[in-house]
Amino acid sequence: MKWLRSYNQFVESVSFDLSSSSLDLMESIGIWHDALLSSISAKEEDIFDAFSLPEDMFSGKLDLDFLESSVEFVNSLSSIGLKKSAMQSSEDYQTFLNKPCRFMFVYKADRNELEEPEYVVFQSWNDSSGQWEQAELYSVNDKVSKFYDKLTSKTVEISDGDENYIYQTSNGSDWTLQNSDKENDVYKKSFRKEEMQKLISDRGVRLSII
């Protein structure tokens, strides 16, 4: 068992001084799946022990495509009072992940999927091999809404002189000013991606990803 490194250790609260360098906005806001898991304080678990899976039946088959349709997997969960959700893919969302992932939440059998899950079975893509990594199991120790927020939204803080402007996006293309009281002729209520990129490049500001 191991705890994932704390969220703050990942490249999430990073500042860039653009007064002497340029930055590709979309490249800078990408995140790795470790940061996604850290948002729910995920703790890695042994999937065989946690779900009472027979190793001879499931060894080498820890793939979400297989687990999604496996009657034996569903029965193993049911025998210990658990149930699974449908598999979801990051490719079904507008996300900021640096590589695709897919995941399946596991709940207590008497809970609905609007309540908090007990576990997430998580699988990430390996660019080198061109295949999915083996699925891994994590216990969920924080609100799953944070997982989806991290998956689908991003916030940056622009420091320009003595003023700070906070913008958020849920798709990477449209950015909205969060501290709207600071709206002015330069820092408008909303920007398209290209406008946002030009703004930070032209003004040589400090950009913090938060």
N, C-alpha and C. Protein backbone atom coordinates (compact mmCIF):
# COMPACT_ATOMS: atom_id res chain seq x y z
N MET A 1 0.84 -1.19 0.00
CA MET A 1 0.00 0.00 0.00
C MET A 1 0.89 1.26 0.00
N LYS A 2 0.41 2.29 -0.65
CA LYS A 2 1.18 3.52 -0.62
C LYS A 2 0.24 4.69 -0.86
N TRP A 3 0.58 5.80 -0.22
CA TRP A 3 -0.17 7.03 -0.49
C TRP A 3 0.48 7.70 -1.69
N LEU A 4 -0.35 8.24 -2.57
CA LEU A 4 0.19 9.06 -3.64
C LEU A 4 0.82 10.30 -3.03
N ARG A 5 1.82 10.83 -3.72
CA ARG A 5 2.43 12.06 -3.23
C ARG A 5 1.38 13.16 -3.17
N SER A 6 1.59 14.08 -2.24
CA SER A 6 0.59 15.13 -2.03
C SER A 6 0.42 15.95 -3.29
N TYR A 7 -0.78 16.48 -3.43
CA TYR A 7 -1.15 17.25 -4.61
C TYR A 7 -0.16 18.37 -4.90
N ASN A 8 0.32 19.04 -3.88
CA ASN A 8 1.21 20.18 -4.08
C ASN A 8 2.55 19.80 -4.66
N GLN A 9 2.89 18.52 -4.65
CA GLN A 9 4.16 18.09 -5.21
C GLN A 9 4.10 17.94 -6.72
N PHE A 10 2.91 18.01 -7.28
CA PHE A 10 2.78 17.86 -8.71
C PHE A 10 2.79 19.23 -9.38
N VAL A 11 2.95 19.23 -10.70
CA VAL A 11 3.06 20.48 -11.44
C VAL A 11 1.66 21.08 -11.61
N GLU A 12 1.15 21.61 -10.51
CA GLU A 12 -0.20 22.15 -10.52
C GLU A 12 -0.19 23.62 -10.11
N SER A 13 0.61 24.00 -9.16
CA SER A 13 0.70 25.40 -8.75
C SER A 13 2.05 25.93 -9.21
N VAL A 14 2.17 26.10 -10.50
CA VAL A 14 3.43 26.49 -11.11
C VAL A 14 3.31 27.91 -11.66
N SER A 15 4.36 28.71 -11.47
CA SER A 15 4.35 30.08 -11.97
C SER A 15 5.35 30.22 -13.11
N PHE A 16 4.97 31.02 -14.10
CA PHE A 16 5.84 31.31 -15.24
C PHE A 16 5.99 32.82 -15.36
N ASP A 17 7.23 33.29 -15.41
CA ASP A 17 7.49 34.71 -15.63
C ASP A 17 7.66 34.90 -17.13
N LEU A 18 6.71 35.61 -17.75
CA LEU A 18 6.72 35.76 -19.20
C LEU A 18 7.31 37.09 -19.66
N SER A 19 7.96 37.78 -18.73
CA SER A 19 8.56 39.06 -19.12
C SER A 19 9.77 38.85 -20.02
N SER A 20 10.39 37.68 -19.95
CA SER A 20 11.57 37.43 -20.78
C SER A 20 11.48 36.12 -21.54
N SER A 21 10.29 35.51 -21.56
CA SER A 21 10.13 34.25 -22.29
C SER A 21 8.70 34.11 -22.76
N SER A 22 8.49 33.22 -23.71
CA SER A 22 7.14 32.98 -24.22
C SER A 22 6.64 31.65 -23.69
N LEU A 23 5.33 31.43 -23.80
CA LEU A 23 4.73 30.23 -23.25
C LEU A 23 3.53 29.83 -24.09
N ASP A 24 3.44 28.54 -24.39
CA ASP A 24 2.25 28.02 -25.04
C ASP A 24 1.24 27.70 -23.94
N LEU A 25 0.14 28.44 -23.92
CA LEU A 25 -0.82 28.33 -22.83
C LEU A 25 -1.35 26.91 -22.68
N MET A 26 -1.77 26.30 -23.78
CA MET A 26 -2.39 24.98 -23.69
C MET A 26 -1.39 23.91 -23.25
N GLU A 27 -0.14 24.02 -23.69
CA GLU A 27 0.86 23.05 -23.24
C GLU A 27 1.13 23.20 -21.74
N SER A 28 1.08 24.42 -21.25
CA SER A 28 1.44 24.67 -19.85
C SER A 28 0.39 24.16 -18.88
N ILE A 29 -0.87 24.03 -19.31
CA ILE A 29 -1.91 23.66 -18.36
C ILE A 29 -2.21 22.16 -18.38
N GLY A 30 -1.45 21.39 -19.13
CA GLY A 30 -1.63 19.95 -19.13
C GLY A 30 -1.28 19.35 -17.77
N ILE A 31 -1.98 18.28 -17.39
CA ILE A 31 -1.70 17.61 -16.12
C ILE A 31 -1.49 16.12 -16.37
N TRP A 32 -0.79 15.48 -15.45
CA TRP A 32 -0.59 14.04 -15.49
C TRP A 32 -1.63 13.36 -14.63
N HIS A 33 -1.87 12.07 -14.87
CA HIS A 33 -2.95 11.38 -14.16
C HIS A 33 -2.69 11.31 -12.66
N ASP A 34 -1.43 11.40 -12.20
CA ASP A 34 -1.14 11.41 -10.77
C ASP A 34 -1.83 12.57 -10.07
N ALA A 35 -1.85 13.72 -10.74
CA ALA A 35 -2.51 14.89 -10.15
C ALA A 35 -4.01 14.70 -10.07
N LEU A 36 -4.56 14.01 -11.06
CA LEU A 36 -5.99 13.70 -11.06
C LEU A 36 -6.35 12.81 -9.87
N LEU A 37 -5.54 11.78 -9.65
CA LEU A 37 -5.79 10.88 -8.53
C LEU A 37 -5.55 11.57 -7.19
N SER A 38 -4.59 12.46 -7.14
CA SER A 38 -4.32 13.19 -5.90
C SER A 38 -5.47 14.08 -5.49
N SER A 39 -6.28 14.50 -6.46
CA SER A 39 -7.41 15.38 -6.13
C SER A 39 -8.43 14.68 -5.24
N ILE A 40 -8.45 13.35 -5.23
CA ILE A 40 -9.35 12.60 -4.35
C ILE A 40 -8.57 11.84 -3.28
N SER A 41 -7.33 12.28 -3.03
CA SER A 41 -6.48 11.66 -2.01
C SER A 41 -6.44 10.14 -2.18
N ALA A 42 -6.25 9.71 -3.43
CA ALA A 42 -6.31 8.29 -3.75
C ALA A 42 -5.18 7.51 -3.08
N LYS A 43 -5.52 6.34 -2.58
CA LYS A 43 -4.54 5.44 -1.98
C LYS A 43 -4.54 4.13 -2.74
N GLU A 44 -3.37 3.73 -3.22
CA GLU A 44 -3.30 2.51 -4.01
C GLU A 44 -3.60 1.28 -3.15
N GLU A 45 -4.41 0.37 -3.69
CA GLU A 45 -4.81 -0.84 -3.00
C GLU A 45 -4.47 -2.07 -3.86
N ASP A 46 -4.39 -3.22 -3.22
CA ASP A 46 -4.21 -4.47 -3.95
C ASP A 46 -5.58 -4.94 -4.44
N ILE A 47 -5.78 -4.95 -5.74
CA ILE A 47 -7.10 -5.25 -6.29
C ILE A 47 -7.54 -6.67 -5.99
N PHE A 48 -6.59 -7.61 -5.91
CA PHE A 48 -6.93 -9.00 -5.62
C PHE A 48 -7.44 -9.14 -4.19
N ASP A 49 -6.77 -8.49 -3.25
CA ASP A 49 -7.18 -8.55 -1.85
C ASP A 49 -8.48 -7.78 -1.61
N ALA A 50 -8.55 -6.57 -2.15
CA ALA A 50 -9.70 -5.70 -1.88
C ALA A 50 -10.99 -6.28 -2.42
N PHE A 51 -10.92 -6.93 -3.59
CA PHE A 51 -12.13 -7.43 -4.25
C PHE A 51 -12.26 -8.95 -4.20
N SER A 52 -11.37 -9.60 -3.45
CA SER A 52 -11.41 -11.07 -3.33
C SER A 52 -11.40 -11.74 -4.71
N LEU A 53 -10.53 -11.25 -5.59
CA LEU A 53 -10.45 -11.81 -6.94
C LEU A 53 -9.51 -13.01 -6.97
N PRO A 54 -9.91 -14.11 -7.59
CA PRO A 54 -8.99 -15.24 -7.76
C PRO A 54 -7.89 -14.89 -8.75
N GLU A 55 -6.65 -14.93 -8.29
CA GLU A 55 -5.54 -14.50 -9.15
C GLU A 55 -5.41 -15.35 -10.40
N ASP A 56 -5.70 -16.65 -10.31
CA ASP A 56 -5.56 -17.49 -11.49
C ASP A 56 -6.55 -17.11 -12.58
N MET A 57 -7.66 -16.50 -12.20
CA MET A 57 -8.67 -16.10 -13.18
C MET A 57 -8.42 -14.69 -13.74
N PHE A 58 -7.86 -13.79 -12.90
CA PHE A 58 -7.74 -12.40 -13.30
C PHE A 58 -6.31 -11.94 -13.58
N SER A 59 -5.33 -12.74 -13.26
CA SER A 59 -3.95 -12.35 -13.52
C SER A 59 -3.74 -12.14 -15.02
N GLY A 60 -3.16 -10.98 -15.36
CA GLY A 60 -2.95 -10.64 -16.76
C GLY A 60 -4.19 -10.12 -17.47
N LYS A 61 -5.29 -9.99 -16.74
CA LYS A 61 -6.54 -9.53 -17.36
C LYS A 61 -7.06 -8.26 -16.68
N LEU A 62 -6.17 -7.54 -16.02
CA LEU A 62 -6.59 -6.31 -15.34
C LEU A 62 -6.67 -5.17 -16.35
N ASP A 63 -7.66 -5.29 -17.19
CA ASP A 63 -7.93 -4.33 -18.24
C ASP A 63 -9.40 -3.95 -18.14
N LEU A 64 -9.71 -2.67 -18.25
CA LEU A 64 -11.08 -2.24 -18.02
C LEU A 64 -12.05 -2.76 -19.08
N ASP A 65 -11.57 -2.99 -20.29
CA ASP A 65 -12.45 -3.60 -21.28
C ASP A 65 -12.92 -4.98 -20.81
N PHE A 66 -11.98 -5.74 -20.22
CA PHE A 66 -12.32 -7.07 -19.72
C PHE A 66 -13.19 -6.98 -18.47
N LEU A 67 -12.79 -6.14 -17.51
CA LEU A 67 -13.53 -6.04 -16.26
C LEU A 67 -14.94 -5.51 -16.47
N GLU A 68 -15.10 -4.64 -17.46
CA GLU A 68 -16.41 -4.05 -17.76
C GLU A 68 -17.45 -5.13 -18.09
N SER A 69 -17.02 -6.17 -18.80
CA SER A 69 -17.97 -7.18 -19.27
C SER A 69 -17.85 -8.52 -18.53
N SER A 70 -16.99 -8.57 -17.50
CA SER A 70 -16.74 -9.83 -16.81
C SER A 70 -17.82 -10.12 -15.76
N VAL A 71 -18.57 -11.21 -15.97
CA VAL A 71 -19.56 -11.64 -14.99
C VAL A 71 -18.88 -12.02 -13.68
N GLU A 72 -17.72 -12.66 -13.79
CA GLU A 72 -16.98 -13.08 -12.60
C GLU A 72 -16.58 -11.87 -11.75
N PHE A 73 -16.19 -10.79 -12.42
CA PHE A 73 -15.82 -9.57 -11.69
C PHE A 73 -17.02 -8.99 -10.95
N VAL A 74 -18.16 -8.91 -11.65
CA VAL A 74 -19.38 -8.40 -11.02
C VAL A 74 -19.77 -9.27 -9.83
N ASN A 75 -19.66 -10.58 -9.99
CA ASN A 75 -20.02 -11.50 -8.91
C ASN A 75 -19.08 -11.36 -7.71
N SER A 76 -17.80 -11.17 -7.99
CA SER A 76 -16.83 -10.98 -6.90
C SER A 76 -17.15 -9.73 -6.10
N LEU A 77 -17.49 -8.65 -6.80
CA LEU A 77 -17.87 -7.41 -6.12
C LEU A 77 -19.14 -7.62 -5.30
N SER A 78 -20.12 -8.26 -5.90
CA SER A 78 -21.40 -8.48 -5.24
C SER A 78 -21.25 -9.30 -3.96
N SER A 79 -20.32 -10.26 -3.99
CA SER A 79 -20.12 -11.14 -2.84
C SER A 79 -19.60 -10.40 -1.61
N ILE A 80 -19.01 -9.23 -1.82
CA ILE A 80 -18.50 -8.44 -0.69
C ILE A 80 -19.25 -7.10 -0.56
N GLY A 81 -20.45 -7.05 -1.14
CA GLY A 81 -21.32 -5.89 -0.96
C GLY A 81 -20.93 -4.67 -1.76
N LEU A 82 -20.37 -4.88 -2.95
CA LEU A 82 -19.96 -3.77 -3.81
C LEU A 82 -20.59 -3.90 -5.19
N LYS A 83 -20.57 -2.81 -5.92
CA LYS A 83 -21.03 -2.80 -7.31
C LYS A 83 -20.20 -1.79 -8.10
N LYS A 84 -20.13 -1.97 -9.39
CA LYS A 84 -19.31 -1.08 -10.23
C LYS A 84 -20.18 -0.13 -11.04
N SER A 85 -19.57 0.97 -11.45
CA SER A 85 -20.20 1.86 -12.41
C SER A 85 -19.81 1.42 -13.82
N ALA A 86 -20.37 2.07 -14.81
CA ALA A 86 -19.91 1.86 -16.18
C ALA A 86 -18.51 2.48 -16.33
N MET A 87 -17.74 1.94 -17.24
CA MET A 87 -16.41 2.51 -17.52
C MET A 87 -16.58 3.87 -18.19
N GLN A 88 -15.72 4.81 -17.81
CA GLN A 88 -15.69 6.13 -18.44
C GLN A 88 -14.30 6.38 -19.02
N SER A 89 -14.24 7.21 -20.04
CA SER A 89 -12.97 7.53 -20.69
C SER A 89 -12.75 9.03 -20.68
N SER A 90 -11.51 9.43 -20.48
CA SER A 90 -11.19 10.87 -20.54
C SER A 90 -11.48 11.44 -21.92
N GLU A 91 -11.49 10.58 -22.93
CA GLU A 91 -11.74 11.05 -24.29
C GLU A 91 -13.21 11.43 -24.50
N ASP A 92 -14.06 11.11 -23.52
CA ASP A 92 -15.45 11.54 -23.59
C ASP A 92 -15.65 12.95 -23.06
N TYR A 93 -14.59 13.56 -22.56
CA TYR A 93 -14.65 14.89 -21.97
C TYR A 93 -13.63 15.81 -22.66
N GLN A 94 -13.83 17.13 -22.49
CA GLN A 94 -12.79 18.09 -22.83
C GLN A 94 -11.87 18.13 -21.62
N THR A 95 -10.68 17.56 -21.71
CA THR A 95 -9.81 17.45 -20.55
C THR A 95 -8.45 18.08 -20.81
N PHE A 96 -7.64 18.13 -19.74
CA PHE A 96 -6.31 18.70 -19.82
C PHE A 96 -5.24 17.66 -19.50
N LEU A 97 -5.61 16.38 -19.59
CA LEU A 97 -4.65 15.31 -19.31
C LEU A 97 -3.61 15.21 -20.42
N ASN A 98 -2.37 14.91 -20.00
CA ASN A 98 -1.29 14.78 -20.97
C ASN A 98 -1.33 13.45 -21.72
N LYS A 99 -2.11 12.50 -21.22
CA LYS A 99 -2.35 11.26 -21.96
C LYS A 99 -3.70 10.70 -21.52
N PRO A 100 -4.36 9.93 -22.39
CA PRO A 100 -5.70 9.44 -22.07
C PRO A 100 -5.72 8.52 -20.86
N CYS A 101 -6.87 8.45 -20.23
CA CYS A 101 -7.11 7.49 -19.15
C CYS A 101 -8.54 7.03 -19.23
N ARG A 102 -8.83 5.93 -18.54
CA ARG A 102 -10.20 5.49 -18.39
C ARG A 102 -10.36 4.95 -16.98
N PHE A 103 -11.59 4.94 -16.50
CA PHE A 103 -11.78 4.65 -15.08
C PHE A 103 -13.18 4.11 -14.82
N MET A 104 -13.30 3.41 -13.69
CA MET A 104 -14.55 2.82 -13.26
C MET A 104 -14.65 2.98 -11.74
N PHE A 105 -15.72 3.57 -11.27
CA PHE A 105 -15.90 3.73 -9.83
C PHE A 105 -16.61 2.50 -9.25
N VAL A 106 -16.29 2.20 -8.00
CA VAL A 106 -16.89 1.06 -7.30
C VAL A 106 -17.56 1.59 -6.03
N TYR A 107 -18.84 1.22 -5.84
CA TYR A 107 -19.66 1.72 -4.76
C TYR A 107 -20.10 0.59 -3.84
N LYS A 108 -20.50 0.95 -2.64
CA LYS A 108 -21.21 -0.01 -1.80
C LYS A 108 -22.52 -0.35 -2.50
N ALA A 109 -22.93 -1.60 -2.38
CA ALA A 109 -24.08 -2.08 -3.14
C ALA A 109 -25.37 -1.32 -2.83
N ASP A 110 -25.49 -0.76 -1.63
CA ASP A 110 -26.72 -0.07 -1.25
C ASP A 110 -26.69 1.42 -1.55
N ARG A 111 -25.66 1.87 -2.25
CA ARG A 111 -25.56 3.29 -2.59
C ARG A 111 -25.85 3.51 -4.07
N ASN A 112 -26.33 4.72 -4.39
CA ASN A 112 -26.49 5.05 -5.81
C ASN A 112 -25.27 5.83 -6.28
N GLU A 113 -25.21 6.07 -7.56
CA GLU A 113 -24.00 6.68 -8.13
C GLU A 113 -23.94 8.19 -7.94
N LEU A 114 -24.91 8.76 -7.22
CA LEU A 114 -24.82 10.16 -6.83
C LEU A 114 -24.09 10.31 -5.50
N GLU A 115 -23.85 9.18 -4.83
CA GLU A 115 -23.11 9.19 -3.58
C GLU A 115 -21.64 8.92 -3.85
N GLU A 116 -20.84 9.01 -2.78
CA GLU A 116 -19.40 8.88 -2.95
C GLU A 116 -18.99 7.41 -3.15
N PRO A 117 -18.10 7.13 -4.10
CA PRO A 117 -17.63 5.76 -4.30
C PRO A 117 -16.59 5.36 -3.25
N GLU A 118 -16.37 4.07 -3.13
CA GLU A 118 -15.33 3.54 -2.26
C GLU A 118 -13.99 3.47 -2.97
N TYR A 119 -14.03 3.14 -4.26
CA TYR A 119 -12.80 2.90 -5.03
C TYR A 119 -12.94 3.46 -6.44
N VAL A 120 -11.79 3.59 -7.09
CA VAL A 120 -11.75 3.82 -8.53
C VAL A 120 -10.73 2.86 -9.13
N VAL A 121 -11.15 2.16 -10.17
CA VAL A 121 -10.24 1.32 -10.96
C VAL A 121 -9.77 2.20 -12.11
N PHE A 122 -8.47 2.40 -12.23
CA PHE A 122 -7.92 3.44 -13.11
C PHE A 122 -6.91 2.83 -14.08
N GLN A 123 -6.96 3.27 -15.31
CA GLN A 123 -6.05 2.75 -16.34
C GLN A 123 -5.60 3.92 -17.22
N SER A 124 -4.30 4.01 -17.46
CA SER A 124 -3.77 5.09 -18.29
C SER A 124 -3.09 4.53 -19.53
N TRP A 125 -2.98 5.36 -20.53
CA TRP A 125 -2.40 4.98 -21.82
C TRP A 125 -0.88 5.11 -21.79
N ASN A 126 -0.19 4.15 -22.38
CA ASN A 126 1.26 4.18 -22.49
C ASN A 126 1.64 4.51 -23.92
N ASP A 127 2.16 5.72 -24.13
CA ASP A 127 2.51 6.14 -25.48
C ASP A 127 3.62 5.29 -26.08
N SER A 128 4.55 4.84 -25.26
CA SER A 128 5.69 4.07 -25.76
C SER A 128 5.27 2.73 -26.34
N SER A 129 4.40 2.03 -25.61
CA SER A 129 3.97 0.71 -26.06
C SER A 129 2.75 0.76 -26.97
N GLY A 130 2.06 1.90 -26.96
CA GLY A 130 0.83 2.01 -27.75
C GLY A 130 -0.28 1.14 -27.19
N GLN A 131 -0.24 0.90 -25.87
CA GLN A 131 -1.24 0.06 -25.22
C GLN A 131 -1.65 0.67 -23.88
N TRP A 132 -2.75 0.15 -23.35
CA TRP A 132 -3.17 0.57 -22.02
C TRP A 132 -2.31 -0.10 -20.97
N GLU A 133 -1.95 0.66 -19.94
CA GLU A 133 -1.27 0.08 -18.79
C GLU A 133 -2.23 -0.86 -18.05
N GLN A 134 -1.69 -1.72 -17.20
CA GLN A 134 -2.54 -2.56 -16.37
C GLN A 134 -3.39 -1.68 -15.46
N ALA A 135 -4.65 -2.03 -15.32
CA ALA A 135 -5.54 -1.26 -14.44
C ALA A 135 -5.07 -1.37 -12.99
N GLU A 136 -5.22 -0.28 -12.24
CA GLU A 136 -4.83 -0.25 -10.84
C GLU A 136 -6.02 0.21 -10.01
N LEU A 137 -6.02 -0.21 -8.76
CA LEU A 137 -7.12 0.12 -7.85
C LEU A 137 -6.68 1.15 -6.82
N TYR A 138 -7.55 2.14 -6.57
CA TYR A 138 -7.29 3.15 -5.56
C TYR A 138 -8.54 3.35 -4.71
N SER A 139 -8.35 3.49 -3.42
CA SER A 139 -9.47 3.90 -2.57
C SER A 139 -9.67 5.40 -2.74
N VAL A 140 -10.92 5.83 -2.65
CA VAL A 140 -11.28 7.23 -2.82
C VAL A 140 -11.47 7.85 -1.44
N ASN A 141 -10.69 8.91 -1.15
CA ASN A 141 -10.69 9.49 0.19
C ASN A 141 -11.06 10.97 0.21
N ASP A 142 -11.68 11.42 -0.88
CA ASP A 142 -12.17 12.80 -0.93
C ASP A 142 -13.33 12.82 -1.92
N LYS A 143 -14.00 13.94 -2.02
CA LYS A 143 -15.19 14.04 -2.85
C LYS A 143 -14.85 13.82 -4.33
N VAL A 144 -15.62 12.97 -4.97
CA VAL A 144 -15.33 12.63 -6.36
C VAL A 144 -15.58 13.83 -7.28
N SER A 145 -16.34 14.80 -6.81
CA SER A 145 -16.54 16.02 -7.61
C SER A 145 -15.21 16.70 -7.89
N LYS A 146 -14.25 16.56 -6.97
CA LYS A 146 -12.92 17.16 -7.18
C LYS A 146 -12.20 16.46 -8.33
N PHE A 147 -12.44 15.19 -8.48
CA PHE A 147 -11.86 14.42 -9.59
C PHE A 147 -12.36 14.97 -10.93
N TYR A 148 -13.67 15.17 -11.03
CA TYR A 148 -14.23 15.68 -12.27
C TYR A 148 -13.84 17.13 -12.52
N ASP A 149 -13.75 17.92 -11.45
CA ASP A 149 -13.30 19.30 -11.60
C ASP A 149 -11.88 19.34 -12.17
N LYS A 150 -11.02 18.49 -11.62
CA LYS A 150 -9.64 18.45 -12.09
C LYS A 150 -9.56 17.95 -13.53
N LEU A 151 -10.45 17.03 -13.85
CA LEU A 151 -10.46 16.44 -15.19
C LEU A 151 -10.92 17.44 -16.25
N THR A 152 -11.86 18.30 -15.89
CA THR A 152 -12.53 19.09 -16.93
C THR A 152 -12.38 20.60 -16.81
N SER A 153 -11.70 21.12 -15.80
CA SER A 153 -11.56 22.57 -15.70
C SER A 153 -10.13 22.95 -15.30
N LYS A 154 -9.78 24.19 -15.56
CA LYS A 154 -8.45 24.68 -15.23
C LYS A 154 -8.54 26.15 -14.89
N THR A 155 -7.78 26.56 -13.87
CA THR A 155 -7.76 27.95 -13.42
C THR A 155 -6.35 28.50 -13.47
N VAL A 156 -6.20 29.72 -13.97
CA VAL A 156 -4.89 30.38 -13.98
C VAL A 156 -5.04 31.76 -13.34
N GLU A 157 -3.96 32.22 -12.74
CA GLU A 157 -3.91 33.57 -12.17
C GLU A 157 -2.85 34.37 -12.91
N ILE A 158 -3.25 35.50 -13.44
CA ILE A 158 -2.33 36.39 -14.16
C ILE A 158 -1.96 37.54 -13.23
N SER A 159 -0.66 37.70 -13.00
CA SER A 159 -0.17 38.82 -12.18
C SER A 159 0.41 39.87 -13.12
N ASP A 160 -0.23 41.03 -13.15
CA ASP A 160 0.18 42.11 -14.04
C ASP A 160 0.39 43.34 -13.16
N GLY A 161 1.67 43.66 -12.88
CA GLY A 161 1.95 44.74 -11.94
C GLY A 161 1.48 44.35 -10.55
N ASP A 162 0.67 45.19 -9.94
CA ASP A 162 0.16 44.92 -8.60
C ASP A 162 -1.21 44.25 -8.61
N GLU A 163 -1.72 43.94 -9.79
CA GLU A 163 -3.06 43.37 -9.90
C GLU A 163 -3.01 41.90 -10.30
N ASN A 164 -3.99 41.13 -9.82
CA ASN A 164 -4.10 39.73 -10.17
C ASN A 164 -5.47 39.47 -10.80
N TYR A 165 -5.47 38.67 -11.86
CA TYR A 165 -6.70 38.35 -12.58
C TYR A 165 -6.80 36.82 -12.70
N ILE A 166 -7.94 36.30 -12.27
CA ILE A 166 -8.12 34.85 -12.24
C ILE A 166 -9.10 34.45 -13.35
N TYR A 167 -8.63 33.56 -14.22
CA TYR A 167 -9.46 33.07 -15.32
C TYR A 167 -9.62 31.56 -15.22
N GLN A 168 -10.79 31.10 -15.62
CA GLN A 168 -11.07 29.66 -15.58
C GLN A 168 -11.64 29.22 -16.92
N THR A 169 -11.32 27.97 -17.28
CA THR A 169 -11.86 27.38 -18.50
C THR A 169 -12.32 25.96 -18.22
N SER A 170 -13.34 25.52 -18.94
CA SER A 170 -13.78 24.13 -18.85
C SER A 170 -13.55 23.39 -20.15
N ASN A 171 -13.00 24.07 -21.13
CA ASN A 171 -12.75 23.41 -22.42
C ASN A 171 -11.44 23.83 -23.09
N GLY A 172 -10.72 24.76 -22.47
CA GLY A 172 -9.47 25.23 -23.05
C GLY A 172 -9.64 26.30 -24.11
N SER A 173 -10.86 26.48 -24.59
CA SER A 173 -11.11 27.44 -25.67
C SER A 173 -11.74 28.73 -25.18
N ASP A 174 -12.52 28.67 -24.11
CA ASP A 174 -13.20 29.85 -23.58
C ASP A 174 -12.78 30.08 -22.14
N TRP A 175 -12.26 31.28 -21.87
CA TRP A 175 -11.74 31.63 -20.55
C TRP A 175 -12.59 32.74 -19.95
N THR A 176 -13.00 32.58 -18.69
CA THR A 176 -13.89 33.55 -18.03
C THR A 176 -13.22 34.11 -16.78
N LEU A 177 -13.29 35.43 -16.63
CA LEU A 177 -12.73 36.12 -15.47
C LEU A 177 -13.54 35.79 -14.23
N GLN A 178 -12.88 35.30 -13.19
CA GLN A 178 -13.57 34.90 -11.96
C GLN A 178 -13.72 36.07 -10.99
N ASN A 179 -12.69 36.89 -10.84
CA ASN A 179 -12.82 38.08 -9.99
C ASN A 179 -13.32 39.23 -10.88
N SER A 180 -14.61 39.16 -11.19
CA SER A 180 -15.21 40.04 -12.20
C SER A 180 -15.15 41.52 -11.85
N ASP A 181 -14.92 41.84 -10.57
CA ASP A 181 -14.81 43.24 -10.18
C ASP A 181 -13.58 43.91 -10.77
N LYS A 182 -12.64 43.09 -11.28
CA LYS A 182 -11.41 43.65 -11.85
C LYS A 182 -11.47 43.77 -13.38
N GLU A 183 -12.61 43.51 -13.96
CA GLU A 183 -12.75 43.62 -15.41
C GLU A 183 -12.42 45.04 -15.87
N ASN A 184 -11.65 45.14 -16.95
CA ASN A 184 -11.31 46.45 -17.52
C ASN A 184 -11.12 46.30 -19.03
N ASP A 185 -10.58 47.35 -19.66
CA ASP A 185 -10.45 47.32 -21.11
C ASP A 185 -9.44 46.28 -21.59
N VAL A 186 -8.47 45.94 -20.74
CA VAL A 186 -7.45 44.94 -21.11
C VAL A 186 -7.89 43.56 -20.68
N TYR A 187 -8.27 43.44 -19.41
CA TYR A 187 -8.68 42.14 -18.86
C TYR A 187 -10.20 42.05 -18.90
N LYS A 188 -10.68 41.52 -20.00
CA LYS A 188 -12.12 41.47 -20.26
C LYS A 188 -12.77 40.31 -19.53
N LYS A 189 -14.11 40.31 -19.56
CA LYS A 189 -14.87 39.27 -18.86
C LYS A 189 -14.56 37.89 -19.42
N SER A 190 -14.33 37.79 -20.72
CA SER A 190 -14.05 36.49 -21.33
C SER A 190 -13.11 36.65 -22.51
N PHE A 191 -12.36 35.58 -22.77
CA PHE A 191 -11.44 35.53 -23.90
C PHE A 191 -11.57 34.19 -24.61
N ARG A 192 -11.35 34.19 -25.90
CA ARG A 192 -11.12 32.96 -26.61
C ARG A 192 -9.66 32.55 -26.40
N LYS A 193 -9.36 31.29 -26.68
CA LYS A 193 -8.01 30.77 -26.45
C LYS A 193 -6.95 31.62 -27.13
N GLU A 194 -7.17 31.99 -28.38
CA GLU A 194 -6.17 32.76 -29.12
C GLU A 194 -5.98 34.15 -28.51
N GLU A 195 -7.06 34.75 -28.03
CA GLU A 195 -6.98 36.06 -27.39
C GLU A 195 -6.21 35.97 -26.07
N MET A 196 -6.48 34.90 -25.33
CA MET A 196 -5.79 34.70 -24.06
C MET A 196 -4.30 34.51 -24.28
N GLN A 197 -3.94 33.72 -25.28
CA GLN A 197 -2.54 33.48 -25.60
C GLN A 197 -1.84 34.79 -25.98
N LYS A 198 -2.50 35.60 -26.80
CA LYS A 198 -1.91 36.88 -27.23
C LYS A 198 -1.75 37.82 -26.05
N LEU A 199 -2.73 37.83 -25.15
CA LEU A 199 -2.67 38.71 -23.97
C LEU A 199 -1.44 38.40 -23.12
N ILE A 200 -1.26 37.14 -22.76
CA ILE A 200 -0.15 36.81 -21.87
C ILE A 200 1.20 36.97 -22.56
N SER A 201 1.22 36.77 -23.89
CA SER A 201 2.48 36.92 -24.63
C SER A 201 2.85 38.39 -24.78
N ASP A 202 1.87 39.22 -25.11
CA ASP A 202 2.14 40.64 -25.38
C ASP A 202 2.50 41.42 -24.11
N ARG A 203 1.88 41.07 -22.98
CA ARG A 203 2.05 41.89 -21.78
C ARG A 203 3.20 41.41 -20.90
N GLY A 204 3.76 40.24 -21.17
CA GLY A 204 4.91 39.77 -20.38
C GLY A 204 4.59 39.64 -18.91
N VAL A 205 3.49 38.98 -18.59
CA VAL A 205 3.00 38.89 -17.22
C VAL A 205 3.56 37.64 -16.54
N ARG A 206 3.18 37.47 -15.28
CA ARG A 206 3.46 36.21 -14.56
C ARG A 206 2.17 35.41 -14.55
N LEU A 207 2.28 34.16 -14.96
CA LEU A 207 1.13 33.27 -15.03
C LEU A 207 1.30 32.14 -14.02
N SER A 208 0.30 31.96 -13.16
CA SER A 208 0.31 30.87 -12.19
C SER A 208 -0.84 29.92 -12.49
N ILE A 209 -0.53 28.62 -12.56
CA ILE A 209 -1.56 27.61 -12.77
C ILE A 209 -1.98 27.14 -11.39
N ILE A 210 -3.25 27.29 -11.05
CA ILE A 210 -3.71 27.00 -9.69
C ILE A 210 -4.83 25.98 -9.69
